[in-house]
Amino acid sequence: MSNKTIIIAEVGVNHNGNINVAKKLILAAKKIKANYVKFQCYKTEKIVHTEAKLAEYQLTSNTKYKNQFQMLKQLELKQKDIRILNRYAKKNKIAFMCSVFDLESANFINKLNNDYIKIPSGEITNVQLLKLVGSFKKKIIISSGASNLKEILQAKKTLNKAGLDDKKITLLHCISSYPTKKEDLNLNSIEYLKEKTKLNIDL
């Protein structure tokens, strides 16, 4: 990334699987002058067991879902919807980005030819996914929230072996706790990760 501050508006799955809500969130991101709007692209059947339990923070939000599979399937955007949203973002002059969780989704997002592909922190040990995304030789962002330093360094090594240069890898310091408490932010980790990984580090 350049020295210019880049603002990424995180939509994730907050559209609740509704493409019209997703479009409104794109416009909201544009209104606040974000540079990018980011969604998630995945196939539920490929990333979670049908009886996987909900995370603790999901249980405390009075969710209507019985398990992870049911929740993610409801929130999943079809590929045709993502194509529509990608075009909609470009029409409204805001860059589009997606996190990818499985090989099919990664191949699909690669064909959209956007600036970045995002690797979520939960997939930092997904060697097959890293090899595939690395082979695209495009700029990527990796979240560090659910990982340790050893896993980050191994992910970097995997991406490098797949042909991706360090200059195209940005490591995102994040906390996989929602909402994150101030005492858990540990912003000093940014300098620590920069020193240990020699990668571009962002918050």
N, C-alpha and C. Protein backbone atom coordinates (compact mmCIF):
# COMPACT_ATOMS: atom_id res chain seq x y z
N MET A 1 0.83 -1.19 0.00
CA MET A 1 0.00 0.00 0.00
C MET A 1 0.87 1.25 0.00
N SER A 2 0.33 2.35 -0.47
CA SER A 2 1.08 3.59 -0.53
C SER A 2 1.08 4.25 0.84
N ASN A 3 1.78 5.40 0.93
CA ASN A 3 1.83 6.14 2.19
C ASN A 3 0.51 6.85 2.48
N LYS A 4 -0.34 6.95 1.48
CA LYS A 4 -1.64 7.57 1.67
C LYS A 4 -2.53 6.67 2.52
N THR A 5 -3.24 7.27 3.47
CA THR A 5 -4.15 6.49 4.30
C THR A 5 -5.32 5.97 3.46
N ILE A 6 -5.54 4.67 3.54
CA ILE A 6 -6.63 4.03 2.80
C ILE A 6 -7.69 3.58 3.79
N ILE A 7 -8.92 4.02 3.59
CA ILE A 7 -10.03 3.67 4.47
C ILE A 7 -10.85 2.56 3.82
N ILE A 8 -10.98 1.45 4.54
CA ILE A 8 -11.78 0.32 4.06
C ILE A 8 -13.04 0.21 4.91
N ALA A 9 -14.18 0.36 4.29
CA ALA A 9 -15.46 0.22 4.99
C ALA A 9 -15.82 -1.26 5.04
N GLU A 10 -15.85 -1.82 6.22
CA GLU A 10 -16.12 -3.24 6.41
C GLU A 10 -17.62 -3.52 6.44
N VAL A 11 -18.12 -4.09 5.37
CA VAL A 11 -19.52 -4.52 5.34
C VAL A 11 -19.62 -5.95 5.86
N GLY A 12 -18.69 -6.81 5.41
CA GLY A 12 -18.73 -8.20 5.85
C GLY A 12 -20.02 -8.86 5.43
N VAL A 13 -20.80 -9.31 6.43
CA VAL A 13 -22.11 -9.92 6.15
C VAL A 13 -23.23 -9.10 6.76
N ASN A 14 -22.98 -7.82 7.01
CA ASN A 14 -23.99 -6.96 7.64
C ASN A 14 -25.14 -6.59 6.72
N HIS A 15 -25.11 -7.09 5.51
CA HIS A 15 -26.23 -6.92 4.57
C HIS A 15 -27.33 -7.93 4.84
N ASN A 16 -27.03 -8.92 5.74
CA ASN A 16 -27.99 -9.96 6.11
C ASN A 16 -28.48 -10.79 4.91
N GLY A 17 -27.62 -10.89 3.88
CA GLY A 17 -27.96 -11.67 2.71
C GLY A 17 -28.89 -10.96 1.74
N ASN A 18 -29.13 -9.68 1.97
CA ASN A 18 -30.06 -8.89 1.15
C ASN A 18 -29.27 -7.95 0.25
N ILE A 19 -29.36 -8.14 -1.05
CA ILE A 19 -28.56 -7.34 -1.98
C ILE A 19 -28.95 -5.86 -1.95
N ASN A 20 -30.21 -5.56 -1.68
CA ASN A 20 -30.63 -4.16 -1.61
C ASN A 20 -30.02 -3.45 -0.40
N VAL A 21 -29.93 -4.17 0.71
CA VAL A 21 -29.24 -3.62 1.89
C VAL A 21 -27.76 -3.44 1.57
N ALA A 22 -27.19 -4.39 0.86
CA ALA A 22 -25.78 -4.31 0.48
C ALA A 22 -25.51 -3.06 -0.35
N LYS A 23 -26.40 -2.75 -1.27
CA LYS A 23 -26.24 -1.55 -2.11
C LYS A 23 -26.30 -0.29 -1.24
N LYS A 24 -27.20 -0.27 -0.27
CA LYS A 24 -27.29 0.89 0.62
C LYS A 24 -26.00 1.07 1.43
N LEU A 25 -25.40 -0.04 1.82
CA LEU A 25 -24.15 0.02 2.58
C LEU A 25 -23.00 0.52 1.71
N ILE A 26 -23.02 0.18 0.43
CA ILE A 26 -22.02 0.71 -0.51
C ILE A 26 -22.15 2.23 -0.60
N LEU A 27 -23.39 2.70 -0.71
CA LEU A 27 -23.62 4.15 -0.78
C LEU A 27 -23.22 4.83 0.51
N ALA A 28 -23.45 4.17 1.64
CA ALA A 28 -23.06 4.74 2.94
C ALA A 28 -21.54 4.86 3.02
N ALA A 29 -20.84 3.83 2.52
CA ALA A 29 -19.38 3.86 2.51
C ALA A 29 -18.86 4.99 1.63
N LYS A 30 -19.52 5.16 0.48
CA LYS A 30 -19.15 6.24 -0.42
C LYS A 30 -19.38 7.61 0.23
N LYS A 31 -20.48 7.72 0.96
CA LYS A 31 -20.84 8.99 1.59
C LYS A 31 -19.81 9.43 2.61
N ILE A 32 -19.24 8.49 3.34
CA ILE A 32 -18.23 8.84 4.34
C ILE A 32 -16.82 8.90 3.74
N LYS A 33 -16.77 8.78 2.41
CA LYS A 33 -15.52 8.93 1.65
C LYS A 33 -14.51 7.82 1.92
N ALA A 34 -15.02 6.60 2.17
CA ALA A 34 -14.13 5.44 2.25
C ALA A 34 -13.55 5.16 0.87
N ASN A 35 -12.34 4.60 0.84
CA ASN A 35 -11.72 4.27 -0.45
C ASN A 35 -12.19 2.93 -1.00
N TYR A 36 -12.45 2.02 -0.08
CA TYR A 36 -12.89 0.67 -0.44
C TYR A 36 -14.11 0.27 0.38
N VAL A 37 -14.90 -0.62 -0.20
CA VAL A 37 -15.97 -1.27 0.55
C VAL A 37 -15.71 -2.78 0.45
N LYS A 38 -15.74 -3.47 1.61
CA LYS A 38 -15.35 -4.87 1.63
C LYS A 38 -16.49 -5.79 2.06
N PHE A 39 -16.64 -6.85 1.28
CA PHE A 39 -17.64 -7.89 1.56
C PHE A 39 -16.94 -9.22 1.81
N GLN A 40 -17.72 -10.27 2.05
CA GLN A 40 -17.19 -11.62 2.19
C GLN A 40 -17.75 -12.50 1.09
N CYS A 41 -16.89 -13.35 0.54
CA CYS A 41 -17.31 -14.28 -0.50
C CYS A 41 -16.96 -15.70 -0.06
N TYR A 42 -17.96 -16.53 0.08
CA TYR A 42 -17.74 -17.91 0.53
C TYR A 42 -18.89 -18.80 0.10
N LYS A 43 -18.61 -20.11 0.11
CA LYS A 43 -19.65 -21.12 -0.09
C LYS A 43 -19.78 -21.85 1.24
N THR A 44 -20.91 -21.70 1.88
CA THR A 44 -21.11 -22.23 3.22
C THR A 44 -20.75 -23.70 3.33
N GLU A 45 -21.15 -24.49 2.33
CA GLU A 45 -20.91 -25.93 2.35
C GLU A 45 -19.43 -26.29 2.36
N LYS A 46 -18.60 -25.36 1.92
CA LYS A 46 -17.17 -25.64 1.82
C LYS A 46 -16.37 -25.18 3.03
N ILE A 47 -16.99 -24.44 3.95
CA ILE A 47 -16.19 -23.87 5.04
C ILE A 47 -16.66 -24.25 6.45
N VAL A 48 -17.85 -24.83 6.58
CA VAL A 48 -18.34 -25.10 7.93
C VAL A 48 -19.20 -26.38 7.96
N HIS A 49 -19.07 -27.11 9.04
CA HIS A 49 -19.86 -28.33 9.24
C HIS A 49 -21.32 -27.95 9.50
N THR A 50 -22.22 -28.81 9.11
CA THR A 50 -23.65 -28.52 9.25
C THR A 50 -24.10 -28.37 10.70
N GLU A 51 -23.30 -28.87 11.64
CA GLU A 51 -23.70 -28.77 13.05
C GLU A 51 -22.71 -27.95 13.88
N ALA A 52 -21.88 -27.15 13.21
CA ALA A 52 -20.91 -26.32 13.93
C ALA A 52 -21.61 -25.32 14.83
N LYS A 53 -21.16 -25.22 16.08
CA LYS A 53 -21.81 -24.33 17.05
C LYS A 53 -21.47 -22.87 16.78
N LEU A 54 -22.34 -22.00 17.24
CA LEU A 54 -22.12 -20.57 17.15
C LEU A 54 -21.01 -20.13 18.10
N ALA A 55 -20.30 -19.06 17.72
CA ALA A 55 -19.27 -18.50 18.59
C ALA A 55 -19.94 -17.83 19.80
N GLU A 56 -19.17 -17.64 20.85
CA GLU A 56 -19.72 -17.07 22.09
C GLU A 56 -20.32 -15.69 21.86
N TYR A 57 -19.62 -14.84 21.09
CA TYR A 57 -20.14 -13.48 20.87
C TYR A 57 -21.42 -13.50 20.04
N GLN A 58 -21.58 -14.56 19.21
CA GLN A 58 -22.80 -14.69 18.41
C GLN A 58 -23.97 -15.12 19.29
N LEU A 59 -23.68 -15.95 20.28
CA LEU A 59 -24.73 -16.42 21.18
C LEU A 59 -25.27 -15.29 22.05
N THR A 60 -24.40 -14.32 22.39
CA THR A 60 -24.82 -13.23 23.27
C THR A 60 -25.59 -12.14 22.53
N SER A 61 -25.69 -12.26 21.20
CA SER A 61 -26.39 -11.22 20.44
C SER A 61 -27.84 -11.60 20.16
N ASN A 62 -28.36 -12.57 20.93
CA ASN A 62 -29.75 -13.01 20.78
C ASN A 62 -30.06 -13.45 19.34
N THR A 63 -29.11 -14.17 18.78
CA THR A 63 -29.27 -14.62 17.40
C THR A 63 -30.43 -15.60 17.24
N LYS A 64 -31.01 -15.59 16.06
CA LYS A 64 -32.12 -16.50 15.76
C LYS A 64 -31.63 -17.81 15.16
N TYR A 65 -30.32 -17.89 14.95
CA TYR A 65 -29.77 -19.07 14.28
C TYR A 65 -29.41 -20.17 15.27
N LYS A 66 -29.56 -21.42 14.83
CA LYS A 66 -29.26 -22.57 15.69
C LYS A 66 -27.79 -22.96 15.65
N ASN A 67 -27.13 -22.70 14.53
CA ASN A 67 -25.73 -23.08 14.38
C ASN A 67 -25.05 -22.21 13.33
N GLN A 68 -23.74 -22.42 13.17
CA GLN A 68 -22.96 -21.63 12.22
C GLN A 68 -23.44 -21.84 10.78
N PHE A 69 -23.73 -23.08 10.43
CA PHE A 69 -24.13 -23.38 9.05
C PHE A 69 -25.40 -22.61 8.67
N GLN A 70 -26.38 -22.67 9.53
CA GLN A 70 -27.65 -21.99 9.26
C GLN A 70 -27.43 -20.48 9.13
N MET A 71 -26.61 -19.92 10.01
CA MET A 71 -26.37 -18.48 9.99
C MET A 71 -25.62 -18.07 8.72
N LEU A 72 -24.53 -18.76 8.41
CA LEU A 72 -23.72 -18.39 7.25
C LEU A 72 -24.47 -18.59 5.94
N LYS A 73 -25.29 -19.62 5.87
CA LYS A 73 -26.06 -19.85 4.65
C LYS A 73 -27.04 -18.71 4.42
N GLN A 74 -27.64 -18.22 5.48
CA GLN A 74 -28.59 -17.11 5.38
C GLN A 74 -27.88 -15.83 4.94
N LEU A 75 -26.63 -15.66 5.36
CA LEU A 75 -25.88 -14.43 5.09
C LEU A 75 -25.06 -14.51 3.80
N GLU A 76 -25.00 -15.67 3.19
CA GLU A 76 -24.18 -15.88 2.00
C GLU A 76 -24.73 -15.13 0.79
N LEU A 77 -23.84 -14.42 0.09
CA LEU A 77 -24.21 -13.77 -1.16
C LEU A 77 -23.90 -14.69 -2.32
N LYS A 78 -24.81 -14.81 -3.27
CA LYS A 78 -24.56 -15.60 -4.47
C LYS A 78 -23.52 -14.87 -5.33
N GLN A 79 -22.82 -15.62 -6.15
CA GLN A 79 -21.80 -15.02 -7.00
C GLN A 79 -22.41 -13.97 -7.94
N LYS A 80 -23.60 -14.23 -8.44
CA LYS A 80 -24.25 -13.25 -9.32
C LYS A 80 -24.53 -11.95 -8.57
N ASP A 81 -24.84 -12.06 -7.27
CA ASP A 81 -25.07 -10.86 -6.47
C ASP A 81 -23.79 -10.07 -6.27
N ILE A 82 -22.68 -10.79 -6.07
CA ILE A 82 -21.40 -10.12 -5.88
C ILE A 82 -20.98 -9.40 -7.16
N ARG A 83 -21.26 -10.02 -8.31
CA ARG A 83 -20.97 -9.35 -9.58
C ARG A 83 -21.77 -8.03 -9.68
N ILE A 84 -23.02 -8.10 -9.30
CA ILE A 84 -23.87 -6.91 -9.33
C ILE A 84 -23.33 -5.83 -8.40
N LEU A 85 -22.93 -6.23 -7.19
CA LEU A 85 -22.42 -5.28 -6.21
C LEU A 85 -21.08 -4.70 -6.65
N ASN A 86 -20.26 -5.51 -7.28
CA ASN A 86 -18.98 -5.04 -7.80
C ASN A 86 -19.20 -3.93 -8.84
N ARG A 87 -20.13 -4.17 -9.76
CA ARG A 87 -20.45 -3.17 -10.78
C ARG A 87 -21.07 -1.92 -10.14
N TYR A 88 -21.92 -2.15 -9.13
CA TYR A 88 -22.59 -1.04 -8.45
C TYR A 88 -21.58 -0.15 -7.74
N ALA A 89 -20.58 -0.76 -7.11
CA ALA A 89 -19.54 0.01 -6.43
C ALA A 89 -18.74 0.84 -7.44
N LYS A 90 -18.37 0.22 -8.54
CA LYS A 90 -17.60 0.94 -9.57
C LYS A 90 -18.42 2.10 -10.14
N LYS A 91 -19.72 1.85 -10.34
CA LYS A 91 -20.61 2.90 -10.86
C LYS A 91 -20.64 4.10 -9.92
N ASN A 92 -20.55 3.80 -8.61
CA ASN A 92 -20.58 4.86 -7.60
C ASN A 92 -19.18 5.30 -7.15
N LYS A 93 -18.20 4.87 -7.92
CA LYS A 93 -16.82 5.33 -7.75
C LYS A 93 -16.24 5.05 -6.36
N ILE A 94 -16.45 3.82 -5.91
CA ILE A 94 -15.78 3.34 -4.71
C ILE A 94 -15.24 1.95 -5.03
N ALA A 95 -14.01 1.68 -4.65
CA ALA A 95 -13.37 0.40 -4.98
C ALA A 95 -13.99 -0.74 -4.17
N PHE A 96 -14.00 -1.92 -4.76
CA PHE A 96 -14.66 -3.09 -4.19
C PHE A 96 -13.61 -4.13 -3.81
N MET A 97 -13.85 -4.81 -2.69
CA MET A 97 -12.92 -5.82 -2.20
C MET A 97 -13.69 -6.93 -1.50
N CYS A 98 -13.15 -8.15 -1.54
CA CYS A 98 -13.80 -9.26 -0.84
C CYS A 98 -12.78 -10.10 -0.07
N SER A 99 -13.19 -10.60 1.08
CA SER A 99 -12.47 -11.67 1.77
C SER A 99 -12.92 -12.98 1.14
N VAL A 100 -11.97 -13.91 0.96
CA VAL A 100 -12.32 -15.21 0.39
C VAL A 100 -12.00 -16.31 1.40
N PHE A 101 -12.85 -17.33 1.42
CA PHE A 101 -12.74 -18.38 2.43
C PHE A 101 -12.53 -19.77 1.85
N ASP A 102 -12.67 -19.92 0.55
CA ASP A 102 -12.54 -21.24 -0.07
C ASP A 102 -12.02 -21.08 -1.49
N LEU A 103 -11.58 -22.17 -2.10
CA LEU A 103 -10.93 -22.12 -3.40
C LEU A 103 -11.87 -21.62 -4.51
N GLU A 104 -13.11 -22.11 -4.50
CA GLU A 104 -14.06 -21.68 -5.53
C GLU A 104 -14.29 -20.18 -5.47
N SER A 105 -14.44 -19.66 -4.26
CA SER A 105 -14.68 -18.23 -4.09
C SER A 105 -13.46 -17.41 -4.48
N ALA A 106 -12.27 -17.93 -4.17
CA ALA A 106 -11.03 -17.23 -4.52
C ALA A 106 -10.89 -17.12 -6.04
N ASN A 107 -11.15 -18.20 -6.74
CA ASN A 107 -11.08 -18.18 -8.20
C ASN A 107 -12.09 -17.20 -8.79
N PHE A 108 -13.26 -17.16 -8.21
CA PHE A 108 -14.31 -16.26 -8.68
C PHE A 108 -13.90 -14.80 -8.47
N ILE A 109 -13.44 -14.47 -7.27
CA ILE A 109 -13.05 -13.09 -6.97
C ILE A 109 -11.86 -12.66 -7.82
N ASN A 110 -10.96 -13.56 -8.08
CA ASN A 110 -9.80 -13.24 -8.92
C ASN A 110 -10.23 -12.73 -10.30
N LYS A 111 -11.30 -13.30 -10.83
CA LYS A 111 -11.78 -12.93 -12.16
C LYS A 111 -12.42 -11.54 -12.20
N LEU A 112 -12.74 -10.98 -11.03
CA LEU A 112 -13.33 -9.64 -10.99
C LEU A 112 -12.28 -8.55 -11.20
N ASN A 113 -11.00 -8.95 -11.06
CA ASN A 113 -9.89 -8.02 -11.33
C ASN A 113 -9.93 -6.74 -10.50
N ASN A 114 -10.18 -6.90 -9.19
CA ASN A 114 -10.12 -5.76 -8.29
C ASN A 114 -8.70 -5.57 -7.76
N ASP A 115 -8.47 -4.50 -7.01
CA ASP A 115 -7.12 -4.16 -6.55
C ASP A 115 -6.55 -5.19 -5.58
N TYR A 116 -7.37 -5.64 -4.64
CA TYR A 116 -6.90 -6.51 -3.58
C TYR A 116 -7.80 -7.74 -3.41
N ILE A 117 -7.19 -8.80 -2.89
CA ILE A 117 -7.93 -9.94 -2.39
C ILE A 117 -7.59 -10.06 -0.91
N LYS A 118 -8.59 -10.28 -0.08
CA LYS A 118 -8.38 -10.33 1.38
C LYS A 118 -8.42 -11.78 1.88
N ILE A 119 -7.44 -12.13 2.71
CA ILE A 119 -7.41 -13.42 3.39
C ILE A 119 -7.83 -13.18 4.84
N PRO A 120 -8.97 -13.72 5.28
CA PRO A 120 -9.40 -13.51 6.66
C PRO A 120 -8.50 -14.26 7.64
N SER A 121 -8.44 -13.78 8.86
CA SER A 121 -7.50 -14.35 9.84
C SER A 121 -7.75 -15.83 10.11
N GLY A 122 -8.99 -16.26 10.02
CA GLY A 122 -9.30 -17.66 10.26
C GLY A 122 -8.79 -18.60 9.19
N GLU A 123 -8.37 -18.03 8.05
CA GLU A 123 -7.87 -18.85 6.94
C GLU A 123 -6.36 -18.72 6.76
N ILE A 124 -5.68 -18.13 7.71
CA ILE A 124 -4.25 -17.90 7.56
C ILE A 124 -3.45 -19.21 7.57
N THR A 125 -4.05 -20.28 8.06
CA THR A 125 -3.39 -21.60 8.03
C THR A 125 -3.98 -22.49 6.94
N ASN A 126 -4.81 -21.93 6.09
CA ASN A 126 -5.41 -22.68 4.97
C ASN A 126 -4.39 -22.68 3.82
N VAL A 127 -3.51 -23.67 3.82
CA VAL A 127 -2.40 -23.71 2.88
C VAL A 127 -2.88 -23.74 1.43
N GLN A 128 -3.88 -24.54 1.14
CA GLN A 128 -4.39 -24.62 -0.23
C GLN A 128 -4.89 -23.26 -0.72
N LEU A 129 -5.62 -22.56 0.14
CA LEU A 129 -6.13 -21.24 -0.22
C LEU A 129 -5.00 -20.26 -0.44
N LEU A 130 -3.99 -20.27 0.44
CA LEU A 130 -2.86 -19.37 0.31
C LEU A 130 -2.08 -19.63 -0.97
N LYS A 131 -1.87 -20.91 -1.29
CA LYS A 131 -1.15 -21.25 -2.52
C LYS A 131 -1.89 -20.73 -3.75
N LEU A 132 -3.20 -20.91 -3.75
CA LEU A 132 -4.00 -20.47 -4.88
C LEU A 132 -3.97 -18.95 -5.02
N VAL A 133 -4.25 -18.25 -3.93
CA VAL A 133 -4.28 -16.79 -3.99
C VAL A 133 -2.88 -16.24 -4.31
N GLY A 134 -1.86 -16.86 -3.77
CA GLY A 134 -0.50 -16.44 -4.08
C GLY A 134 -0.17 -16.58 -5.56
N SER A 135 -0.71 -17.61 -6.18
CA SER A 135 -0.45 -17.86 -7.60
C SER A 135 -1.07 -16.80 -8.50
N PHE A 136 -2.05 -16.06 -7.99
CA PHE A 136 -2.66 -14.99 -8.77
C PHE A 136 -1.69 -13.82 -8.96
N LYS A 137 -0.72 -13.72 -8.03
CA LYS A 137 0.30 -12.65 -8.05
C LYS A 137 -0.33 -11.25 -7.99
N LYS A 138 -1.44 -11.16 -7.26
CA LYS A 138 -2.10 -9.88 -7.04
C LYS A 138 -1.85 -9.41 -5.62
N LYS A 139 -2.09 -8.13 -5.37
CA LYS A 139 -1.93 -7.59 -4.03
C LYS A 139 -2.97 -8.21 -3.09
N ILE A 140 -2.53 -8.59 -1.92
CA ILE A 140 -3.45 -9.19 -0.95
C ILE A 140 -3.28 -8.53 0.42
N ILE A 141 -4.32 -8.67 1.22
CA ILE A 141 -4.30 -8.23 2.62
C ILE A 141 -4.60 -9.45 3.47
N ILE A 142 -3.79 -9.67 4.50
CA ILE A 142 -4.01 -10.79 5.42
C ILE A 142 -4.33 -10.25 6.80
N SER A 143 -5.42 -10.70 7.39
CA SER A 143 -5.74 -10.33 8.77
C SER A 143 -4.98 -11.23 9.73
N SER A 144 -4.58 -10.67 10.86
CA SER A 144 -3.78 -11.43 11.83
C SER A 144 -4.55 -11.81 13.09
N GLY A 145 -5.82 -11.45 13.15
CA GLY A 145 -6.59 -11.56 14.40
C GLY A 145 -6.63 -12.92 15.06
N ALA A 146 -6.75 -13.98 14.28
CA ALA A 146 -6.88 -15.32 14.86
C ALA A 146 -5.59 -16.12 14.73
N SER A 147 -4.46 -15.41 14.62
CA SER A 147 -3.20 -16.12 14.36
C SER A 147 -2.12 -15.72 15.35
N ASN A 148 -1.04 -16.50 15.35
CA ASN A 148 0.15 -16.12 16.11
C ASN A 148 1.29 -15.85 15.13
N LEU A 149 2.43 -15.40 15.64
CA LEU A 149 3.54 -15.01 14.77
C LEU A 149 4.02 -16.18 13.91
N LYS A 150 4.11 -17.35 14.49
CA LYS A 150 4.57 -18.53 13.74
C LYS A 150 3.66 -18.79 12.54
N GLU A 151 2.36 -18.68 12.74
CA GLU A 151 1.41 -18.91 11.64
C GLU A 151 1.51 -17.82 10.57
N ILE A 152 1.73 -16.58 11.00
CA ILE A 152 1.89 -15.47 10.05
C ILE A 152 3.12 -15.69 9.17
N LEU A 153 4.23 -16.06 9.81
CA LEU A 153 5.46 -16.29 9.07
C LEU A 153 5.33 -17.47 8.11
N GLN A 154 4.61 -18.50 8.53
CA GLN A 154 4.39 -19.65 7.66
C GLN A 154 3.51 -19.27 6.48
N ALA A 155 2.51 -18.43 6.72
CA ALA A 155 1.64 -17.97 5.64
C ALA A 155 2.46 -17.16 4.63
N LYS A 156 3.32 -16.30 5.12
CA LYS A 156 4.20 -15.51 4.25
C LYS A 156 5.06 -16.43 3.40
N LYS A 157 5.62 -17.46 4.01
CA LYS A 157 6.47 -18.41 3.31
C LYS A 157 5.69 -19.14 2.22
N THR A 158 4.46 -19.54 2.54
CA THR A 158 3.61 -20.23 1.57
C THR A 158 3.30 -19.33 0.38
N LEU A 159 2.96 -18.08 0.67
CA LEU A 159 2.65 -17.13 -0.40
C LEU A 159 3.87 -16.85 -1.28
N ASN A 160 5.03 -16.72 -0.64
CA ASN A 160 6.26 -16.49 -1.40
C ASN A 160 6.57 -17.67 -2.33
N LYS A 161 6.40 -18.88 -1.82
CA LYS A 161 6.65 -20.06 -2.63
C LYS A 161 5.69 -20.16 -3.81
N ALA A 162 4.49 -19.60 -3.62
CA ALA A 162 3.49 -19.61 -4.69
C ALA A 162 3.78 -18.54 -5.74
N GLY A 163 4.78 -17.70 -5.47
CA GLY A 163 5.18 -16.70 -6.44
C GLY A 163 4.82 -15.27 -6.09
N LEU A 164 4.33 -15.03 -4.86
CA LEU A 164 3.91 -13.69 -4.48
C LEU A 164 5.03 -12.96 -3.74
N ASP A 165 5.39 -11.81 -4.24
CA ASP A 165 6.44 -11.00 -3.64
C ASP A 165 5.93 -10.30 -2.38
N ASP A 166 6.84 -10.10 -1.41
CA ASP A 166 6.47 -9.43 -0.15
C ASP A 166 5.83 -8.07 -0.38
N LYS A 167 6.25 -7.37 -1.43
CA LYS A 167 5.74 -6.04 -1.69
C LYS A 167 4.23 -6.04 -1.98
N LYS A 168 3.70 -7.19 -2.35
CA LYS A 168 2.28 -7.29 -2.66
C LYS A 168 1.46 -7.83 -1.48
N ILE A 169 2.11 -8.02 -0.34
CA ILE A 169 1.45 -8.56 0.84
C ILE A 169 1.35 -7.47 1.91
N THR A 170 0.14 -7.20 2.37
CA THR A 170 -0.07 -6.29 3.50
C THR A 170 -0.68 -7.08 4.65
N LEU A 171 -0.06 -6.98 5.82
CA LEU A 171 -0.56 -7.66 7.02
C LEU A 171 -1.40 -6.68 7.83
N LEU A 172 -2.61 -7.06 8.13
CA LEU A 172 -3.53 -6.19 8.85
C LEU A 172 -3.57 -6.58 10.33
N HIS A 173 -3.17 -5.66 11.19
CA HIS A 173 -3.29 -5.89 12.64
C HIS A 173 -4.75 -5.76 13.03
N CYS A 174 -5.33 -6.82 13.55
CA CYS A 174 -6.73 -6.76 13.98
C CYS A 174 -6.94 -7.66 15.19
N ILE A 175 -8.05 -7.45 15.87
CA ILE A 175 -8.40 -8.20 17.07
C ILE A 175 -9.72 -8.93 16.81
N SER A 176 -9.68 -10.26 16.91
CA SER A 176 -10.90 -11.05 16.64
C SER A 176 -11.78 -11.12 17.89
N SER A 177 -12.19 -9.96 18.31
CA SER A 177 -13.08 -9.83 19.47
C SER A 177 -14.00 -8.66 19.20
N TYR A 178 -15.30 -8.91 19.25
CA TYR A 178 -16.25 -7.89 18.81
C TYR A 178 -17.28 -7.58 19.89
N PRO A 179 -17.41 -6.30 20.29
CA PRO A 179 -16.51 -5.19 19.95
C PRO A 179 -15.21 -5.29 20.74
N THR A 180 -14.12 -4.78 20.19
CA THR A 180 -12.81 -4.87 20.83
C THR A 180 -12.70 -3.84 21.95
N LYS A 181 -12.23 -4.28 23.11
CA LYS A 181 -12.02 -3.38 24.23
C LYS A 181 -10.72 -2.61 24.03
N LYS A 182 -10.67 -1.38 24.49
CA LYS A 182 -9.48 -0.53 24.30
C LYS A 182 -8.23 -1.19 24.87
N GLU A 183 -8.39 -1.86 26.00
CA GLU A 183 -7.22 -2.48 26.64
C GLU A 183 -6.69 -3.68 25.86
N ASP A 184 -7.46 -4.15 24.87
CA ASP A 184 -7.03 -5.29 24.06
C ASP A 184 -6.45 -4.88 22.71
N LEU A 185 -6.45 -3.59 22.40
CA LEU A 185 -6.00 -3.13 21.08
C LEU A 185 -4.53 -3.44 20.81
N ASN A 186 -3.68 -3.19 21.81
CA ASN A 186 -2.24 -3.49 21.70
C ASN A 186 -1.65 -2.98 20.39
N LEU A 187 -1.74 -1.69 20.16
CA LEU A 187 -1.24 -1.10 18.92
C LEU A 187 0.27 -1.23 18.74
N ASN A 188 0.98 -1.53 19.82
CA ASN A 188 2.42 -1.76 19.70
C ASN A 188 2.72 -2.98 18.84
N SER A 189 1.71 -3.84 18.67
CA SER A 189 1.89 -5.02 17.83
C SER A 189 2.21 -4.66 16.39
N ILE A 190 1.79 -3.47 15.96
CA ILE A 190 2.05 -3.05 14.58
C ILE A 190 3.55 -2.98 14.34
N GLU A 191 4.28 -2.32 15.23
CA GLU A 191 5.74 -2.23 15.08
C GLU A 191 6.40 -3.60 15.25
N TYR A 192 5.88 -4.37 16.18
CA TYR A 192 6.43 -5.72 16.42
C TYR A 192 6.29 -6.60 15.18
N LEU A 193 5.09 -6.60 14.58
CA LEU A 193 4.85 -7.42 13.40
C LEU A 193 5.67 -6.93 12.21
N LYS A 194 5.83 -5.63 12.11
CA LYS A 194 6.63 -5.06 11.02
C LYS A 194 8.08 -5.52 11.12
N GLU A 195 8.60 -5.51 12.35
CA GLU A 195 9.98 -5.93 12.57
C GLU A 195 10.17 -7.42 12.28
N LYS A 196 9.23 -8.24 12.72
CA LYS A 196 9.37 -9.69 12.60
C LYS A 196 9.06 -10.22 11.20
N THR A 197 8.15 -9.58 10.49
CA THR A 197 7.72 -10.12 9.20
C THR A 197 8.31 -9.39 8.01
N LYS A 198 8.75 -8.13 8.23
CA LYS A 198 9.25 -7.28 7.13
C LYS A 198 8.19 -7.00 6.08
N LEU A 199 6.92 -7.10 6.46
CA LEU A 199 5.82 -6.85 5.54
C LEU A 199 5.23 -5.45 5.78
N ASN A 200 4.44 -4.99 4.83
CA ASN A 200 3.64 -3.78 5.05
C ASN A 200 2.64 -4.09 6.14
N ILE A 201 2.53 -3.24 7.14
CA ILE A 201 1.62 -3.47 8.25
C ILE A 201 0.62 -2.34 8.33
N ASP A 202 -0.67 -2.69 8.43
CA ASP A 202 -1.72 -1.67 8.57
C ASP A 202 -2.64 -2.05 9.71
N LEU A 203 -3.46 -1.08 10.10
CA LEU A 203 -4.40 -1.26 11.20
C LEU A 203 -5.81 -1.37 10.65
